[in-house]
Amino acid sequence: MDYELLMNGTVKIGQHAPDFNAETTYGPICLDDYKGKWLVFFSHPGDFTPVCTTEMIAFAQANPYFEKLNTKLLGLSIDSNPSHLEWMRDIYNMTGIILPFPIVADRNGVIARKYGMISNDISTTETVRNVFVIDDKGIVRVILVYPLNIGRFIPEIIRIVEALQMADCSKSSTPANWLPNQPVIMSAPRTFPLLQERLDYINQNCNGMSWYLAFQDPKQECLNKINCENNDNC
């Protein structure tokens, strides 16, 4: 059997995110603590490394945007909690920025292995740059993997969360390069009569290319619902 398949987890999109208990820079946590919230769970190769430092600063600066989306941030590496704390202090001394999210200390690599964060062809000890977007029901919705030497583009991670929330609410899909408030793709009709209705709809509104590719503006009630749920304005 392939050693990496044996040792690494097989977390997939659509499954419940594996629970865990961990020590972090903000105290002990378990994944269940995030129920009802969206979660961006990301790994980094090591403390006091240049790419990781820029990412931590970028995540910290973007945290208010994630908060508006009812989304929490959670980092992880196999470094110790004292190392994480000293790194946080070093970042604060250099920039005045306090990292507002916890960093998991995964010294034995159990969580990293469970989530498949270690690629043995790259390193048997360092985690690569994984991102898991987990929804408010604890389901893994997106998995991104970056190499050790390429920093993540945080605005894209924000966009992914926004797209997922819009697609869920409107029961639609988002097209390539979609941005918030842009049209979404309507679900394709499943019967011939509905197909004919869709063609009539496209002809009347000039908002599609074919019966299986038609667009609509995000419904206002959906925008209101997302805003309500994410900001406790209900």
C-alpha atoms as a PDB file:
ATOM      1  CA  MET A   1       0.000   0.000   0.000  1.00  0.00           C
ATOM      2  CA  ASP A   2       1.163   3.536  -0.782  1.00  0.00           C
ATOM      3  CA  TYR A   3       2.734   4.937   2.407  1.00  0.00           C
ATOM      4  CA  GLU A   4       1.271   8.387   1.855  1.00  0.00           C
ATOM      5  CA  LEU A   5      -2.249   7.018   1.393  1.00  0.00           C
ATOM      6  CA  LEU A   6      -1.765   4.988   4.572  1.00  0.00           C
ATOM      7  CA  MET A   7      -0.487   7.901   6.650  1.00  0.00           C
ATOM      8  CA  ASN A   8      -2.428  10.838   5.239  1.00  0.00           C
ATOM      9  CA  GLY A   9      -6.115  11.500   5.622  1.00  0.00           C
ATOM     10  CA  THR A  10      -8.567  11.370   2.765  1.00  0.00           C
ATOM     11  CA  VAL A  11     -10.757  14.389   3.511  1.00  0.00           C
ATOM     12  CA  LYS A  12     -13.000  15.063   0.532  1.00  0.00           C
ATOM     13  CA  ILE A  13     -15.434  17.754  -0.539  1.00  0.00           C
ATOM     14  CA  GLY A  14     -18.927  16.996   0.716  1.00  0.00           C
ATOM     15  CA  GLN A  15     -17.985  15.048   3.824  1.00  0.00           C
ATOM     16  CA  HIS A  16     -18.172  16.155   7.440  1.00  0.00           C
ATOM     17  CA  ALA A  17     -14.892  17.715   8.502  1.00  0.00           C
ATOM     18  CA  PRO A  18     -13.107  15.379  10.938  1.00  0.00           C
ATOM     19  CA  ASP A  19     -13.378  16.672  14.486  1.00  0.00           C
ATOM     20  CA  PHE A  20     -10.327  17.236  16.665  1.00  0.00           C
ATOM     21  CA  ASN A  21      -9.233  18.766  19.954  1.00  0.00           C
ATOM     22  CA  ALA A  22      -6.211  21.031  19.930  1.00  0.00           C
ATOM     23  CA  GLU A  23      -4.108  23.497  21.866  1.00  0.00           C
ATOM     24  CA  THR A  24      -3.999  26.920  20.213  1.00  0.00           C
ATOM     25  CA  THR A  25      -2.721  30.428  20.782  1.00  0.00           C
ATOM     26  CA  TYR A  26      -6.193  31.319  22.107  1.00  0.00           C
ATOM     27  CA  GLY A  27      -6.645  28.263  24.308  1.00  0.00           C
ATOM     28  CA  PRO A  28      -8.011  24.756  23.723  1.00  0.00           C
ATOM     29  CA  ILE A  29     -10.547  24.277  20.934  1.00  0.00           C
ATOM     30  CA  CYS A  30     -12.416  21.539  19.130  1.00  0.00           C
ATOM     31  CA  LEU A  31     -13.914  21.713  15.662  1.00  0.00           C
ATOM     32  CA  ASP A  32     -17.405  21.531  17.152  1.00  0.00           C
ATOM     33  CA  ASP A  33     -16.804  25.010  18.599  1.00  0.00           C
ATOM     34  CA  TYR A  34     -17.361  26.398  15.091  1.00  0.00           C
ATOM     35  CA  LYS A  35     -20.805  24.935  14.477  1.00  0.00           C
ATOM     36  CA  GLY A  36     -23.087  27.583  13.038  1.00  0.00           C
ATOM     37  CA  LYS A  37     -20.083  29.435  11.603  1.00  0.00           C
ATOM     38  CA  TRP A  38     -18.204  29.026   8.360  1.00  0.00           C
ATOM     39  CA  LEU A  39     -14.547  28.161   8.855  1.00  0.00           C
ATOM     40  CA  VAL A  40     -11.409  28.692   6.790  1.00  0.00           C
ATOM     41  CA  PHE A  41      -8.962  26.133   8.195  1.00  0.00           C
ATOM     42  CA  PHE A  42      -5.478  26.574   6.743  1.00  0.00           C
ATOM     43  CA  SER A  43      -2.039  25.086   7.314  1.00  0.00           C
ATOM     44  CA  HIS A  44       1.360  26.701   6.982  1.00  0.00           C
ATOM     45  CA  PRO A  45       4.793  25.033   6.761  1.00  0.00           C
ATOM     46  CA  GLY A  46       6.438  26.717   9.724  1.00  0.00           C
ATOM     47  CA  ASP A  47       6.695  29.695  12.060  1.00  0.00           C
ATOM     48  CA  PHE A  48       9.207  32.478  11.402  1.00  0.00           C
ATOM     49  CA  THR A  49       9.248  31.758   7.659  1.00  0.00           C
ATOM     50  CA  PRO A  50       8.913  34.613   5.157  1.00  0.00           C
ATOM     51  CA  VAL A  51       5.963  33.467   3.019  1.00  0.00           C
ATOM     52  CA  CYS A  52       3.996  32.313   6.057  1.00  0.00           C
ATOM     53  CA  THR A  53       4.603  35.616   7.823  1.00  0.00           C
ATOM     54  CA  THR A  54       3.161  37.572   4.886  1.00  0.00           C
ATOM     55  CA  GLU A  55       0.149  35.234   4.819  1.00  0.00           C
ATOM     56  CA  MET A  56      -0.543  35.617   8.519  1.00  0.00           C
ATOM     57  CA  ILE A  57      -0.440  39.394   8.175  1.00  0.00           C
ATOM     58  CA  ALA A  58      -2.753  39.221   5.150  1.00  0.00           C
ATOM     59  CA  PHE A  59      -5.230  36.921   6.915  1.00  0.00           C
ATOM     60  CA  ALA A  60      -5.223  39.232   9.946  1.00  0.00           C
ATOM     61  CA  GLN A  61      -5.906  42.284   7.781  1.00  0.00           C
ATOM     62  CA  ALA A  62      -8.727  40.428   5.988  1.00  0.00           C
ATOM     63  CA  ASN A  63     -10.306  39.099   9.187  1.00  0.00           C
ATOM     64  CA  PRO A  64     -13.028  41.825   9.300  1.00  0.00           C
ATOM     65  CA  TYR A  65     -14.193  40.746   5.825  1.00  0.00           C
ATOM     66  CA  PHE A  66     -14.370  37.114   6.924  1.00  0.00           C
ATOM     67  CA  GLU A  67     -16.255  38.124  10.068  1.00  0.00           C
ATOM     68  CA  LYS A  68     -18.890  39.871   7.932  1.00  0.00           C
ATOM     69  CA  LEU A  69     -19.377  36.539   6.155  1.00  0.00           C
ATOM     70  CA  ASN A  70     -19.949  34.685   9.446  1.00  0.00           C
ATOM     71  CA  THR A  71     -16.579  33.039   8.843  1.00  0.00           C
ATOM     72  CA  LYS A  72     -13.798  32.246  11.292  1.00  0.00           C
ATOM     73  CA  LEU A  73     -10.115  31.687  10.547  1.00  0.00           C
ATOM     74  CA  LEU A  74      -8.047  28.868  12.034  1.00  0.00           C
ATOM     75  CA  GLY A  75      -4.373  28.236  11.268  1.00  0.00           C
ATOM     76  CA  LEU A  76      -2.211  25.174  11.911  1.00  0.00           C
ATOM     77  CA  SER A  77       1.382  24.055  11.768  1.00  0.00           C
ATOM     78  CA  ILE A  78       3.385  21.354  13.498  1.00  0.00           C
ATOM     79  CA  ASP A  79       5.287  23.945  15.526  1.00  0.00           C
ATOM     80  CA  SER A  80       4.733  24.230  19.285  1.00  0.00           C
ATOM     81  CA  ASN A  81       2.364  26.651  20.971  1.00  0.00           C
ATOM     82  CA  PRO A  82       5.275  28.631  22.528  1.00  0.00           C
ATOM     83  CA  SER A  83       6.740  28.984  19.027  1.00  0.00           C
ATOM     84  CA  HIS A  84       3.391  30.243  17.713  1.00  0.00           C
ATOM     85  CA  LEU A  85       3.140  32.738  20.552  1.00  0.00           C
ATOM     86  CA  GLU A  86       6.656  34.073  19.996  1.00  0.00           C
ATOM     87  CA  TRP A  87       5.953  34.373  16.265  1.00  0.00           C
ATOM     88  CA  MET A  88       2.754  36.294  17.012  1.00  0.00           C
ATOM     89  CA  ARG A  89       4.730  38.604  19.305  1.00  0.00           C
ATOM     90  CA  ASP A  90       7.386  39.081  16.616  1.00  0.00           C
ATOM     91  CA  ILE A  91       4.745  39.983  14.009  1.00  0.00           C
ATOM     92  CA  TYR A  92       3.165  42.430  16.459  1.00  0.00           C
ATOM     93  CA  ASN A  93       6.518  44.051  17.212  1.00  0.00           C
ATOM     94  CA  MET A  94       7.274  44.467  13.505  1.00  0.00           C
ATOM     95  CA  THR A  95       3.842  45.584  12.291  1.00  0.00           C
ATOM     96  CA  GLY A  96       1.575  46.401  15.232  1.00  0.00           C
ATOM     97  CA  ILE A  97      -0.815  43.688  13.969  1.00  0.00           C
ATOM     98  CA  ILE A  98      -2.260  41.167  16.423  1.00  0.00           C
ATOM     99  CA  LEU A  99      -3.281  37.889  14.823  1.00  0.00           C
ATOM    100  CA  PRO A 100      -6.981  37.698  15.802  1.00  0.00           C
ATOM    101  CA  PHE A 101      -7.425  33.994  15.039  1.00  0.00           C
ATOM    102  CA  PRO A 102      -6.040  30.875  16.751  1.00  0.00           C
ATOM    103  CA  ILE A 103      -3.095  28.854  15.467  1.00  0.00           C
ATOM    104  CA  VAL A 104      -3.218  25.145  16.249  1.00  0.00           C
ATOM    105  CA  ALA A 105      -0.096  23.516  17.663  1.00  0.00           C
ATOM    106  CA  ASP A 106       0.025  20.080  16.019  1.00  0.00           C
ATOM    107  CA  ARG A 107       3.375  18.832  17.263  1.00  0.00           C
ATOM    108  CA  ASN A 108       2.735  15.141  16.549  1.00  0.00           C
ATOM    109  CA  GLY A 109       1.117  15.850  13.190  1.00  0.00           C
ATOM    110  CA  VAL A 110      -2.064  13.933  14.022  1.00  0.00           C
ATOM    111  CA  ILE A 111      -4.419  16.644  12.739  1.00  0.00           C
ATOM    112  CA  ALA A 112      -2.207  17.387   9.730  1.00  0.00           C
ATOM    113  CA  ARG A 113      -2.212  13.695   8.790  1.00  0.00           C
ATOM    114  CA  LYS A 114      -5.955  13.404   9.322  1.00  0.00           C
ATOM    115  CA  TYR A 115      -6.530  16.269   6.894  1.00  0.00           C
ATOM    116  CA  GLY A 116      -3.849  15.233   4.393  1.00  0.00           C
ATOM    117  CA  MET A 117      -1.831  18.390   4.972  1.00  0.00           C
ATOM    118  CA  ILE A 118       1.547  16.676   4.617  1.00  0.00           C
ATOM    119  CA  SER A 119       2.800  15.735   1.155  1.00  0.00           C
ATOM    120  CA  ASN A 120       5.636  13.269   1.648  1.00  0.00           C
ATOM    121  CA  ASP A 121       7.071  13.989  -1.799  1.00  0.00           C
ATOM    122  CA  ILE A 122       7.623  17.572  -0.622  1.00  0.00           C
ATOM    123  CA  SER A 123       8.344  17.108   3.080  1.00  0.00           C
ATOM    124  CA  THR A 124       7.632  14.446   5.686  1.00  0.00           C
ATOM    125  CA  THR A 125       7.419  17.033   8.459  1.00  0.00           C
ATOM    126  CA  GLU A 126       6.196  20.358   7.065  1.00  0.00           C
ATOM    127  CA  THR A 127       2.600  20.913   6.086  1.00  0.00           C
ATOM    128  CA  VAL A 128       1.949  22.324   2.631  1.00  0.00           C
ATOM    129  CA  ARG A 129      -0.394  25.310   2.250  1.00  0.00           C
ATOM    130  CA  ASN A 130      -3.812  23.672   2.504  1.00  0.00           C
ATOM    131  CA  VAL A 131      -7.074  25.578   2.774  1.00  0.00           C
ATOM    132  CA  PHE A 132     -10.311  23.890   3.833  1.00  0.00           C
ATOM    133  CA  VAL A 133     -13.514  25.908   3.577  1.00  0.00           C
ATOM    134  CA  ILE A 134     -16.005  24.297   5.967  1.00  0.00           C
ATOM    135  CA  ASP A 135     -19.602  25.486   6.046  1.00  0.00           C
ATOM    136  CA  ASP A 136     -21.806  26.259   9.044  1.00  0.00           C
ATOM    137  CA  LYS A 137     -23.009  22.636   9.131  1.00  0.00           C
ATOM    138  CA  GLY A 138     -19.482  21.258   9.350  1.00  0.00           C
ATOM    139  CA  ILE A 139     -19.292  20.091   5.716  1.00  0.00           C
ATOM    140  CA  VAL A 140     -16.072  20.468   3.713  1.00  0.00           C
ATOM    141  CA  ARG A 141     -16.994  22.594   0.702  1.00  0.00           C
ATOM    142  CA  VAL A 142     -13.637  23.562  -0.857  1.00  0.00           C
ATOM    143  CA  ILE A 143     -10.081  22.229  -0.649  1.00  0.00           C
ATOM    144  CA  LEU A 144      -7.151  24.271  -1.970  1.00  0.00           C
ATOM    145  CA  VAL A 145      -3.512  23.160  -1.936  1.00  0.00           C
ATOM    146  CA  TYR A 146      -0.584  25.519  -2.549  1.00  0.00           C
ATOM    147  CA  PRO A 147       3.118  24.612  -2.661  1.00  0.00           C
ATOM    148  CA  LEU A 148       5.568  25.710   0.008  1.00  0.00           C
ATOM    149  CA  ASN A 149       6.956  28.654  -1.969  1.00  0.00           C
ATOM    150  CA  ILE A 150       3.708  30.245  -3.233  1.00  0.00           C
ATOM    151  CA  GLY A 151       1.643  32.464  -0.951  1.00  0.00           C
ATOM    152  CA  ARG A 152      -2.138  32.305  -0.993  1.00  0.00           C
ATOM    153  CA  PHE A 153      -4.301  35.029  -2.560  1.00  0.00           C
ATOM    154  CA  ILE A 154      -6.614  35.912   0.320  1.00  0.00           C
ATOM    155  CA  PRO A 155      -9.220  37.851  -1.749  1.00  0.00           C
ATOM    156  CA  GLU A 156      -9.899  34.653  -3.710  1.00  0.00           C
ATOM    157  CA  ILE A 157     -10.619  32.757  -0.494  1.00  0.00           C
ATOM    158  CA  ILE A 158     -13.070  35.501   0.505  1.00  0.00           C
ATOM    159  CA  ARG A 159     -14.675  35.306  -2.943  1.00  0.00           C
ATOM    160  CA  ILE A 160     -15.044  31.534  -2.611  1.00  0.00           C
ATOM    161  CA  VAL A 161     -16.960  31.895   0.658  1.00  0.00           C
ATOM    162  CA  GLU A 162     -19.183  34.582  -0.874  1.00  0.00           C
ATOM    163  CA  ALA A 163     -19.843  32.417  -3.943  1.00  0.00           C
ATOM    164  CA  LEU A 164     -20.708  29.369  -1.845  1.00  0.00           C
ATOM    165  CA  GLN A 165     -23.114  31.328   0.325  1.00  0.00           C
ATOM    166  CA  MET A 166     -24.821  32.876  -2.711  1.00  0.00           C
ATOM    167  CA  ALA A 167     -25.065  29.545  -4.557  1.00  0.00           C
ATOM    168  CA  ASP A 168     -26.550  27.869  -1.478  1.00  0.00           C
ATOM    169  CA  CYS A 169     -29.124  30.575  -0.920  1.00  0.00           C
ATOM    170  CA  SER A 170     -30.202  31.067  -4.533  1.00  0.00           C
ATOM    171  CA  LYS A 171     -29.919  27.362  -5.466  1.00  0.00           C
ATOM    172  CA  SER A 172     -27.843  28.426  -8.437  1.00  0.00           C
ATOM    173  CA  SER A 173     -24.254  28.325  -9.654  1.00  0.00           C
ATOM    174  CA  THR A 174     -21.692  31.052 -10.162  1.00  0.00           C
ATOM    175  CA  PRO A 175     -19.916  31.536 -13.501  1.00  0.00           C
ATOM    176  CA  ALA A 176     -16.219  31.988 -14.144  1.00  0.00           C
ATOM    177  CA  ASN A 177     -14.771  35.120 -12.552  1.00  0.00           C
ATOM    178  CA  TRP A 178     -17.986  35.720 -10.573  1.00  0.00           C
ATOM    179  CA  LEU A 179     -17.946  38.566  -8.073  1.00  0.00           C
ATOM    180  CA  PRO A 180     -20.572  39.526  -5.475  1.00  0.00           C
ATOM    181  CA  ASN A 181     -23.763  41.105  -6.851  1.00  0.00           C
ATOM    182  CA  GLN A 182     -23.075  39.837 -10.368  1.00  0.00           C
ATOM    183  CA  PRO A 183     -25.597  37.520 -12.120  1.00  0.00           C
ATOM    184  CA  VAL A 184     -25.657  33.835 -11.216  1.00  0.00           C
ATOM    185  CA  ILE A 185     -26.373  30.831 -13.427  1.00  0.00           C
ATOM    186  CA  MET A 186     -29.906  29.435 -13.199  1.00  0.00           C
ATOM    187  CA  SER A 187     -30.359  25.706 -12.661  1.00  0.00           C
ATOM    188  CA  ALA A 188     -30.885  23.937 -15.979  1.00  0.00           C
ATOM    189  CA  PRO A 189     -34.425  22.716 -16.742  1.00  0.00           C
ATOM    190  CA  ARG A 190     -34.983  18.968 -16.447  1.00  0.00           C
ATOM    191  CA  THR A 191     -37.996  18.521 -18.729  1.00  0.00           C
ATOM    192  CA  PHE A 192     -38.706  19.549 -22.320  1.00  0.00           C
ATOM    193  CA  PRO A 193     -41.626  21.847 -21.380  1.00  0.00           C
ATOM    194  CA  LEU A 194     -39.357  23.633 -18.902  1.00  0.00           C
ATOM    195  CA  LEU A 195     -36.671  23.809 -21.576  1.00  0.00           C
ATOM    196  CA  GLN A 196     -39.121  25.616 -23.862  1.00  0.00           C
ATOM    197  CA  GLU A 197     -40.071  27.981 -21.046  1.00  0.00           C
ATOM    198  CA  ARG A 198     -36.416  28.733 -20.456  1.00  0.00           C
ATOM    199  CA  LEU A 199     -35.878  29.585 -24.124  1.00  0.00           C
ATOM    200  CA  ASP A 200     -38.837  31.969 -23.993  1.00  0.00           C
ATOM    201  CA  TYR A 201     -37.398  33.498 -20.827  1.00  0.00           C
ATOM    202  CA  ILE A 202     -34.015  34.027 -22.534  1.00  0.00           C
ATOM    203  CA  ASN A 203     -35.624  35.580 -25.589  1.00  0.00           C
ATOM    204  CA  GLN A 204     -37.619  37.992 -23.455  1.00  0.00           C
ATOM    205  CA  ASN A 205     -34.792  39.000 -21.144  1.00  0.00           C
ATOM    206  CA  CYS A 206     -31.702  38.574 -23.346  1.00  0.00           C
ATOM    207  CA  ASN A 207     -29.876  36.978 -20.434  1.00  0.00           C
ATOM    208  CA  GLY A 208     -28.670  33.615 -21.672  1.00  0.00           C
ATOM    209  CA  MET A 209     -26.766  31.713 -24.336  1.00  0.00           C
ATOM    210  CA  SER A 210     -28.751  28.480 -24.450  1.00  0.00           C
ATOM    211  CA  TRP A 211     -31.487  26.631 -22.579  1.00  0.00           C
ATOM    212  CA  TYR A 212     -28.843  25.200 -20.242  1.00  0.00           C
ATOM    213  CA  LEU A 213     -26.972  28.492 -19.723  1.00  0.00           C
ATOM    214  CA  ALA A 214     -29.118  31.367 -18.532  1.00  0.00           C
ATOM    215  CA  PHE A 215     -28.420  34.068 -15.973  1.00  0.00           C
ATOM    216  CA  GLN A 216     -30.396  35.912 -13.335  1.00  0.00           C
ATOM    217  CA  ASP A 217     -29.569  38.670 -10.898  1.00  0.00           C
ATOM    218  CA  PRO A 218     -29.209  37.546  -7.288  1.00  0.00           C
ATOM    219  CA  LYS A 219     -32.636  37.739  -5.702  1.00  0.00           C
ATOM    220  CA  GLN A 220     -32.997  40.546  -3.191  1.00  0.00           C
ATOM    221  CA  GLU A 221     -34.511  38.220  -0.616  1.00  0.00           C
ATOM    222  CA  CYS A 222     -31.429  36.057  -0.937  1.00  0.00           C
ATOM    223  CA  LEU A 223     -29.089  39.003  -0.462  1.00  0.00           C
ATOM    224  CA  ASN A 224     -31.132  40.045   2.573  1.00  0.00           C
ATOM    225  CA  LYS A 225     -31.038  36.522   3.996  1.00  0.00           C
ATOM    226  CA  ILE A 226     -27.272  36.219   3.647  1.00  0.00           C
ATOM    227  CA  ASN A 227     -26.749  39.634   5.223  1.00  0.00           C
ATOM    228  CA  CYS A 228     -29.175  38.757   8.013  1.00  0.00           C
ATOM    229  CA  GLU A 229     -27.531  35.423   8.817  1.00  0.00           C
ATOM    230  CA  ASN A 230     -23.995  36.765   8.645  1.00  0.00           C
ATOM    231  CA  ASN A 231     -24.560  39.909  10.688  1.00  0.00           C
ATOM    232  CA  ASP A 232     -27.288  38.862  13.147  1.00  0.00           C
ATOM    233  CA  ASN A 233     -29.633  41.490  11.710  1.00  0.00           C
ATOM    234  CA  CYS A 234     -32.684  39.208  11.678  1.00  0.00           C
END
